Amino acid sequence: MPWTECSQMSSRLEFVQLAQAPDVNFSALCTAFGISRKTGYKWLQRHATGGIEALADRSRRPSSSPNRSHSDIESTIVALYLAYPCWGGRKLKALLPDGFPDIHPTTIDAILARNGCELAPSRKPGPLALTRFEHEAPNLLWQMDFKGHFALTDAAAKRCHPLTVLDDHSRFNIALTACSTESGVQVKTALINAFRKYGLPQRVTCDNGPPWGTAGSGTVSALGAWMIRLGIRLGHSRPYHPQTQGKDERFHRTLKLELLARYSFNSIAQCQVGFDQWRDQYNLVRPHHALGQMPPVSRYAASGRPFPEELPPIEYESEDEVRMVRKSGRIKYNGSEHFIGEGLRGQPVAIRPTKTDGMVEVFYCAQKVQTLELTKMA
């Protein structure tokens, strides 16, 4: 396995990019990365005066070479290909240093073919879709899902289930976690780590099944209730419509092409090492077509909503009718029992009337979780 632990340089680059975002909480960001404010300012200054190369422990490479010869041009392009063998001319062109001759992507592909480099097959993208939708700022929506599980080379270790969380606006990969199962416990642990580093999003979308949904009943799971309690609006994709999670689905294709189809892993721990290094490459270096060939970190900034280590209290309006969800997942209201969801067991919910006679809505914190038609249950 060629993977190594995440380099200091990649962590420094991510820190610098996030620290340059408007209205960033610099102290909180330094704490999230485990460094002092003094160290944080040091790397900001080094990056400002020397760019990315100044973040490395050693670097003497010039940022431009105006007198570069033809052989130098080809050797630079081939070196880029060897570093990123899954990328074609368009992406490699975006990584050429300042002062490098302007070369068309097809010329770069021709240079690679001439030097015996095997180009990965890829479709030619058309113009950006006019109907492409994305949220206008980071952290307004995160998309979350499991990439299809795959077998490990150690049969005793069984399979890996990659958990992915993607910011809708920037395509920044918030989390890429190697899980041994698709359990709520492992997802919650991964989300806590992400929330501590990047803050809380406004909304999260995921599919309808466990652990964020419930099988069959369509009610809130325990994991979903925890996110709602944190003040996150929880949404679910339409059944059999993966395009609802389109950006995360596209991320899964890239993950498979550039990592999972090229390497084998022996354990969950080894998967995580590979995931961490590839994630740095994806977030900090890899040009993205939909972002004008800029990497996702160029459009991402951490959330201004910090993760609370203790859950906030649940408060409802004085006019709300509050009921406690029983162990069965039901509440008693209007002389009958109504199923709300096992994920809310032991939690208070608020019942609010609607403009329609005989119909009420049930809220957990600020999110509606059920609509009850009392006339049908009478």
Protein backbone atom coordinates (compact mmCIF):
# COMPACT_ATOMS: atom_id res chain seq x y z
CA MET A 1 0.00 0.00 0.00
CA PRO A 2 1.47 3.38 -1.01
CA TRP A 3 -0.76 5.42 1.30
CA THR A 4 0.82 7.26 4.23
CA GLU A 5 -0.65 9.29 7.06
CA CYS A 6 -2.09 12.71 6.14
CA SER A 7 0.81 15.10 5.61
CA GLN A 8 1.37 18.21 7.68
CA MET A 9 1.32 20.22 4.48
CA SER A 10 -2.23 19.13 3.56
CA SER A 11 -3.49 20.02 7.05
CA ARG A 12 -1.72 23.38 6.90
CA LEU A 13 -3.22 24.11 3.48
CA GLU A 14 -6.74 23.27 4.65
CA PHE A 15 -6.26 25.49 7.72
CA VAL A 16 -5.01 28.44 5.63
CA GLN A 17 -7.87 28.14 3.13
CA LEU A 18 -10.52 28.02 5.87
CA ALA A 19 -8.86 30.85 7.84
CA GLN A 20 -9.19 33.17 4.84
CA ALA A 21 -12.98 32.87 4.76
CA PRO A 22 -14.96 36.04 5.67
CA ASP A 23 -15.98 36.40 9.33
CA VAL A 24 -14.09 33.27 10.34
CA ASN A 25 -13.77 32.58 14.08
CA PHE A 26 -9.98 32.32 14.05
CA SER A 27 -9.61 31.14 17.65
CA ALA A 28 -12.18 28.37 17.17
CA LEU A 29 -10.53 27.30 13.92
CA CYS A 30 -7.10 27.09 15.60
CA THR A 31 -8.63 24.99 18.38
CA ALA A 32 -10.25 22.67 15.84
CA PHE A 33 -6.85 22.06 14.19
CA GLY A 34 -5.05 21.68 17.53
CA ILE A 35 -2.69 24.67 17.11
CA SER A 36 -2.14 27.96 18.90
CA ARG A 37 -3.16 31.32 17.47
CA LYS A 38 0.53 32.18 17.12
CA THR A 39 1.12 29.09 14.99
CA GLY A 40 -2.00 29.84 12.96
CA TYR A 41 -0.80 33.36 12.14
CA LYS A 42 2.64 32.00 11.26
CA TRP A 43 1.23 29.69 8.56
CA LEU A 44 -1.07 32.42 7.26
CA GLN A 45 1.93 34.73 6.84
CA ARG A 46 4.04 32.05 5.18
CA HIS A 47 1.24 31.24 2.74
CA ALA A 48 0.69 34.94 1.97
CA THR A 49 4.35 35.47 1.11
CA GLY A 50 5.20 32.14 -0.47
CA GLY A 51 1.97 30.41 -1.49
CA ILE A 52 1.33 26.68 -1.07
CA GLU A 53 5.01 25.76 -1.38
CA ALA A 54 5.85 27.83 1.70
CA LEU A 55 3.69 25.45 3.79
CA ALA A 56 6.07 22.55 3.17
CA ASP A 57 9.03 21.96 5.47
CA ARG A 58 11.33 22.20 2.43
CA SER A 59 10.65 23.70 -0.94
CA ARG A 60 12.98 25.43 -3.39
CA ARG A 61 10.94 25.07 -6.58
CA PRO A 62 10.43 28.40 -8.42
CA SER A 63 6.83 29.51 -9.01
CA SER A 64 7.51 30.34 -12.67
CA SER A 65 10.01 29.46 -15.40
CA PRO A 66 9.65 31.86 -18.37
CA ASN A 67 12.61 30.31 -20.23
CA ARG A 68 11.35 26.74 -19.94
CA SER A 69 12.39 24.56 -22.86
CA HIS A 70 10.16 22.16 -24.78
CA SER A 71 11.57 19.21 -22.85
CA ASP A 72 10.94 21.00 -19.57
CA ILE A 73 7.30 21.55 -20.56
CA GLU A 74 6.77 17.87 -21.32
CA SER A 75 8.58 16.69 -18.20
CA THR A 76 6.45 19.00 -16.02
CA ILE A 77 3.23 17.68 -17.56
CA VAL A 78 4.34 14.06 -17.24
CA ALA A 79 5.31 14.67 -13.60
CA LEU A 80 1.84 16.06 -12.92
CA TYR A 81 0.29 13.00 -14.56
CA LEU A 82 2.40 10.66 -12.42
CA ALA A 83 1.17 12.49 -9.31
CA TYR A 84 -2.48 12.43 -10.47
CA PRO A 85 -2.86 9.53 -12.96
CA CYS A 86 -6.67 9.67 -12.98
CA TRP A 87 -6.83 13.24 -14.26
CA GLY A 88 -6.85 14.34 -17.89
CA GLY A 89 -5.69 17.46 -19.70
CA ARG A 90 -8.39 19.79 -18.34
CA LYS A 91 -7.58 19.17 -14.70
CA LEU A 92 -3.81 19.02 -15.19
CA LYS A 93 -3.90 22.34 -17.04
CA ALA A 94 -5.46 23.96 -13.96
CA LEU A 95 -2.46 22.82 -11.88
CA LEU A 96 0.27 24.23 -14.14
CA PRO A 97 2.32 26.91 -12.31
CA ASP A 98 2.12 30.64 -12.97
CA GLY A 99 4.18 31.70 -15.97
CA PHE A 100 3.76 28.33 -17.69
CA PRO A 101 2.91 28.54 -21.42
CA ASP A 102 -0.82 28.41 -22.17
CA ILE A 103 -1.41 24.87 -23.45
CA HIS A 104 -4.74 23.49 -24.61
CA PRO A 105 -6.00 20.41 -22.69
CA THR A 106 -5.98 18.31 -25.88
CA THR A 107 -2.30 19.19 -26.34
CA ILE A 108 -1.61 18.02 -22.80
CA ASP A 109 -3.38 14.74 -23.58
CA ALA A 110 -1.26 14.38 -26.73
CA ILE A 111 1.95 15.00 -24.75
CA LEU A 112 0.93 12.33 -22.23
CA ALA A 113 0.12 9.82 -24.99
CA ARG A 114 3.43 10.59 -26.69
CA ASN A 115 5.25 9.80 -23.44
CA GLY A 116 3.49 6.47 -22.96
CA CYS A 117 1.05 7.62 -20.29
CA GLU A 118 -2.20 5.66 -20.24
CA LEU A 119 -5.12 8.08 -20.03
CA ALA A 120 -8.14 7.02 -18.03
CA PRO A 121 -11.30 6.91 -20.16
CA SER A 122 -13.62 9.81 -19.42
CA ARG A 123 -16.58 11.48 -21.01
CA LYS A 124 -16.19 14.97 -22.39
CA PRO A 125 -18.31 17.31 -20.27
CA GLY A 126 -20.61 19.71 -22.02
CA PRO A 127 -21.38 23.25 -20.88
CA LEU A 128 -22.60 23.72 -17.34
CA ALA A 129 -26.32 22.98 -17.13
CA LEU A 130 -28.46 26.10 -17.02
CA THR A 131 -30.75 24.46 -14.46
CA ARG A 132 -27.94 23.37 -12.13
CA PHE A 133 -29.01 24.06 -8.55
CA GLU A 134 -26.78 24.73 -5.61
CA HIS A 135 -27.25 26.57 -2.35
CA GLU A 136 -25.82 30.07 -2.33
CA ALA A 137 -23.44 29.64 0.61
CA PRO A 138 -21.57 26.88 2.46
CA ASN A 139 -23.27 24.92 5.24
CA LEU A 140 -26.82 25.70 4.12
CA LEU A 141 -27.10 22.06 3.08
CA TRP A 142 -24.95 18.98 3.62
CA GLN A 143 -25.70 15.78 1.70
CA MET A 144 -24.99 12.53 3.57
CA ASP A 145 -25.02 8.92 2.45
CA PHE A 146 -23.15 5.62 2.49
CA LYS A 147 -21.15 4.67 -0.57
CA GLY A 148 -21.79 1.06 -1.49
CA HIS A 149 -19.80 -1.25 0.78
CA PHE A 150 -16.83 -3.25 -0.53
CA ALA A 151 -14.88 -6.29 0.62
CA LEU A 152 -11.54 -6.08 2.42
CA THR A 153 -8.61 -8.35 1.56
CA ASP A 154 -8.65 -9.74 5.11
CA ALA A 155 -11.72 -11.97 5.10
CA ALA A 156 -11.98 -11.73 8.90
CA ALA A 157 -12.34 -7.96 8.64
CA LYS A 158 -15.29 -8.44 6.25
CA ARG A 159 -16.43 -5.19 4.57
CA CYS A 160 -16.01 -1.42 4.65
CA HIS A 161 -18.97 0.98 4.46
CA PRO A 162 -17.72 4.47 3.44
CA LEU A 163 -19.77 7.27 5.02
CA THR A 164 -19.68 10.48 2.97
CA VAL A 165 -20.85 13.99 3.84
CA LEU A 166 -20.65 16.71 1.16
CA ASP A 167 -21.34 20.45 1.31
CA ASP A 168 -23.85 21.32 -1.42
CA HIS A 169 -22.48 24.78 -2.29
CA SER A 170 -18.76 24.04 -2.50
CA ARG A 171 -18.65 20.23 -3.03
CA PHE A 172 -16.23 20.24 -0.06
CA ASN A 173 -16.06 16.77 1.48
CA ILE A 174 -16.94 17.29 5.14
CA ALA A 175 -16.41 13.66 6.14
CA LEU A 176 -15.17 10.46 4.52
CA THR A 177 -15.24 7.80 7.21
CA ALA A 178 -14.51 4.08 6.95
CA CYS A 179 -17.22 2.29 8.94
CA SER A 180 -17.49 -1.40 9.71
CA THR A 181 -21.31 -1.22 9.73
CA GLU A 182 -24.00 1.28 8.78
CA SER A 183 -24.99 1.80 12.41
CA GLY A 184 -26.26 4.97 14.02
CA VAL A 185 -23.47 4.81 16.61
CA GLN A 186 -20.70 4.99 14.00
CA VAL A 187 -22.49 7.69 12.00
CA LYS A 188 -23.01 9.79 15.13
CA THR A 189 -19.32 9.51 16.06
CA ALA A 190 -18.29 10.63 12.57
CA LEU A 191 -20.73 13.55 12.65
CA ILE A 192 -19.54 14.71 16.07
CA ASN A 193 -15.97 14.86 14.72
CA ALA A 194 -17.19 16.82 11.68
CA PHE A 195 -19.32 19.20 13.77
CA ARG A 196 -16.43 19.93 16.11
CA LYS A 197 -14.17 20.85 13.20
CA TYR A 198 -16.57 22.59 10.80
CA GLY A 199 -19.54 23.62 12.97
CA LEU A 200 -23.22 22.84 12.41
CA PRO A 201 -24.98 23.08 9.03
CA GLN A 202 -28.43 24.57 8.59
CA ARG A 203 -29.81 21.44 6.94
CA VAL A 204 -28.81 17.83 6.21
CA THR A 205 -30.39 15.55 3.63
CA CYS A 206 -30.05 11.76 3.60
CA ASP A 207 -32.04 8.80 2.37
CA ASN A 208 -35.06 7.26 4.10
CA GLY A 209 -33.55 4.09 5.55
CA PRO A 210 -31.68 3.38 8.78
CA PRO A 211 -29.78 4.81 10.56
CA TRP A 212 -31.10 8.33 9.70
CA GLY A 213 -34.59 7.12 8.82
CA THR A 214 -36.68 4.17 9.92
CA ALA A 215 -37.52 1.07 7.92
CA GLY A 216 -41.08 1.18 6.64
CA SER A 217 -42.71 3.65 9.05
CA GLY A 218 -41.12 6.84 7.68
CA THR A 219 -40.66 8.29 11.17
CA VAL A 220 -37.67 9.95 12.84
CA SER A 221 -34.86 7.68 14.00
CA ALA A 222 -32.84 8.22 17.17
CA LEU A 223 -29.98 9.62 15.05
CA GLY A 224 -32.39 11.96 13.27
CA ALA A 225 -33.83 13.14 16.58
CA TRP A 226 -30.32 13.94 17.82
CA MET A 227 -29.61 16.11 14.76
CA ILE A 228 -32.96 17.90 15.12
CA ARG A 229 -32.15 18.55 18.79
CA LEU A 230 -28.93 20.25 17.64
CA GLY A 231 -30.99 22.66 15.55
CA ILE A 232 -30.34 20.98 12.19
CA ARG A 233 -33.25 20.66 9.78
CA LEU A 234 -33.38 17.06 8.65
CA GLY A 235 -34.60 16.21 5.16
CA HIS A 236 -34.92 12.95 3.24
CA SER A 237 -34.55 12.18 -0.45
CA ARG A 238 -37.50 10.90 -2.44
CA PRO A 239 -37.59 7.09 -2.62
CA TYR A 240 -35.96 5.75 -5.80
CA HIS A 241 -34.74 9.25 -6.76
CA PRO A 242 -30.95 9.26 -6.17
CA GLN A 243 -30.67 12.56 -8.06
CA THR A 244 -31.96 14.26 -4.90
CA GLN A 245 -28.51 13.49 -3.50
CA GLY A 246 -26.90 14.17 -6.88
CA LYS A 247 -23.71 15.88 -5.73
CA ASP A 248 -22.95 13.17 -3.18
CA GLU A 249 -23.72 10.48 -5.77
CA ARG A 250 -21.28 12.16 -8.16
CA PHE A 251 -18.71 12.27 -5.36
CA HIS A 252 -19.15 8.50 -4.95
CA ARG A 253 -18.30 7.98 -8.63
CA THR A 254 -15.11 10.00 -8.25
CA LEU A 255 -14.17 8.12 -5.06
CA LYS A 256 -14.64 4.80 -6.83
CA LEU A 257 -12.70 5.81 -9.97
CA GLU A 258 -9.74 7.46 -8.25
CA LEU A 259 -9.36 5.32 -5.14
CA LEU A 260 -11.53 2.24 -4.63
CA ALA A 261 -11.02 0.82 -8.14
CA ARG A 262 -7.23 1.27 -7.93
CA TYR A 263 -6.34 0.08 -4.44
CA SER A 264 -7.18 -2.77 -2.08
CA PHE A 265 -7.39 -2.42 1.68
CA ASN A 266 -6.76 -4.98 4.40
CA SER A 267 -8.61 -3.40 7.33
CA ILE A 268 -10.92 -0.57 8.35
CA ALA A 269 -7.94 1.32 9.79
CA GLN A 270 -6.03 0.98 6.50
CA CYS A 271 -9.13 2.21 4.62
CA GLN A 272 -9.23 5.32 6.80
CA VAL A 273 -5.58 6.12 6.07
CA GLY A 274 -6.30 5.92 2.34
CA PHE A 275 -9.54 7.89 2.70
CA ASP A 276 -7.79 10.68 4.61
CA GLN A 277 -5.05 11.17 2.05
CA TRP A 278 -7.41 11.01 -0.94
CA ARG A 279 -9.82 13.41 0.78
CA ASP A 280 -7.05 15.99 1.14
CA GLN A 281 -6.31 15.67 -2.56
CA TYR A 282 -10.00 16.01 -3.46
CA ASN A 283 -10.68 19.02 -1.23
CA LEU A 284 -7.44 20.96 -1.58
CA VAL A 285 -5.97 20.16 -5.00
CA ARG A 286 -8.38 18.49 -7.42
CA PRO A 287 -9.88 20.99 -9.93
CA HIS A 288 -13.66 20.70 -10.18
CA HIS A 289 -15.42 21.35 -13.51
CA ALA A 290 -18.53 22.88 -11.88
CA LEU A 291 -16.32 25.22 -9.81
CA GLY A 292 -14.42 26.67 -12.76
CA GLN A 293 -11.54 24.18 -12.29
CA MET A 294 -10.97 25.36 -8.71
CA PRO A 295 -10.77 22.91 -5.79
CA PRO A 296 -13.72 22.68 -3.36
CA VAL A 297 -11.82 24.38 -0.52
CA SER A 298 -11.79 27.59 -2.60
CA ARG A 299 -15.54 27.95 -1.97
CA TYR A 300 -15.86 26.52 1.53
CA ALA A 301 -15.78 28.20 4.94
CA ALA A 302 -16.51 26.64 8.33
CA SER A 303 -19.92 27.26 9.89
CA GLY A 304 -20.39 30.00 12.45
CA ARG A 305 -22.57 27.66 14.54
CA PRO A 306 -20.31 25.77 16.98
CA PHE A 307 -21.11 22.24 18.11
CA PRO A 308 -22.55 22.23 21.67
CA GLU A 309 -20.95 19.56 23.81
CA GLU A 310 -24.22 19.42 25.78
CA LEU A 311 -27.58 19.19 24.03
CA PRO A 312 -29.67 22.38 24.33
CA PRO A 313 -32.92 22.19 26.34
CA ILE A 314 -36.19 21.55 24.52
CA GLU A 315 -38.54 24.52 24.76
CA TYR A 316 -42.04 24.92 23.33
CA GLU A 317 -44.52 27.79 23.21
CA SER A 318 -46.90 28.22 26.14
CA GLU A 319 -49.94 27.53 23.91
CA ASP A 320 -48.51 24.19 22.69
CA GLU A 321 -49.96 20.94 24.01
CA VAL A 322 -46.95 18.87 25.05
CA ARG A 323 -46.95 15.08 25.25
CA MET A 324 -44.19 12.64 26.19
CA VAL A 325 -43.48 9.88 23.69
CA ARG A 326 -43.79 6.49 25.36
CA LYS A 327 -41.48 3.49 24.99
CA SER A 328 -43.78 2.16 22.29
CA GLY A 329 -43.16 5.31 20.24
CA ARG A 330 -46.75 6.46 20.83
CA ILE A 331 -48.42 9.43 22.49
CA LYS A 332 -51.88 9.67 24.00
CA TYR A 333 -53.95 12.56 22.65
CA ASN A 334 -57.65 13.26 22.20
CA GLY A 335 -58.58 9.97 23.84
CA SER A 336 -56.50 7.82 21.45
CA GLU A 337 -52.94 6.60 21.04
CA HIS A 338 -50.94 7.78 18.02
CA PHE A 339 -47.67 6.36 16.74
CA ILE A 340 -44.99 9.10 16.45
CA GLY A 341 -41.82 7.07 16.15
CA GLU A 342 -39.55 4.90 18.27
CA GLY A 343 -36.65 7.29 17.69
CA LEU A 344 -38.43 9.86 19.89
CA ARG A 345 -39.03 7.58 22.87
CA GLY A 346 -38.80 9.51 26.13
CA GLN A 347 -38.85 12.88 24.32
CA PRO A 348 -41.48 15.65 24.61
CA VAL A 349 -43.35 16.66 21.44
CA ALA A 350 -45.66 19.61 20.81
CA ILE A 351 -49.12 19.31 19.25
CA ARG A 352 -50.35 22.30 17.26
CA PRO A 353 -53.69 22.75 15.49
CA THR A 354 -53.89 23.45 11.76
CA LYS A 355 -56.39 25.40 9.65
CA THR A 356 -58.02 22.08 8.72
CA ASP A 357 -60.61 20.76 11.17
CA GLY A 358 -59.65 17.48 12.77
CA MET A 359 -56.00 17.73 11.78
CA VAL A 360 -53.06 18.58 14.03
CA GLU A 361 -49.30 18.68 13.53
CA VAL A 362 -46.72 17.16 15.86
CA PHE A 363 -43.38 18.97 16.31
CA TYR A 364 -40.14 17.82 17.87
CA CYS A 365 -38.11 20.93 18.70
CA ALA A 366 -38.51 23.12 15.59
CA GLN A 367 -39.25 20.34 13.08
CA LYS A 368 -42.63 18.86 12.18
CA VAL A 369 -42.44 15.09 12.53
CA GLN A 370 -46.06 13.95 12.05
CA THR A 371 -49.51 15.07 10.92
CA LEU A 372 -52.43 13.44 12.73
CA GLU A 373 -55.91 13.22 11.19
CA LEU A 374 -58.03 12.84 14.29
CA THR A 375 -61.28 12.25 12.37
CA LYS A 376 -59.88 9.06 10.84
CA MET A 377 -58.84 7.79 14.24
CA ALA A 378 -62.05 8.55 16.06
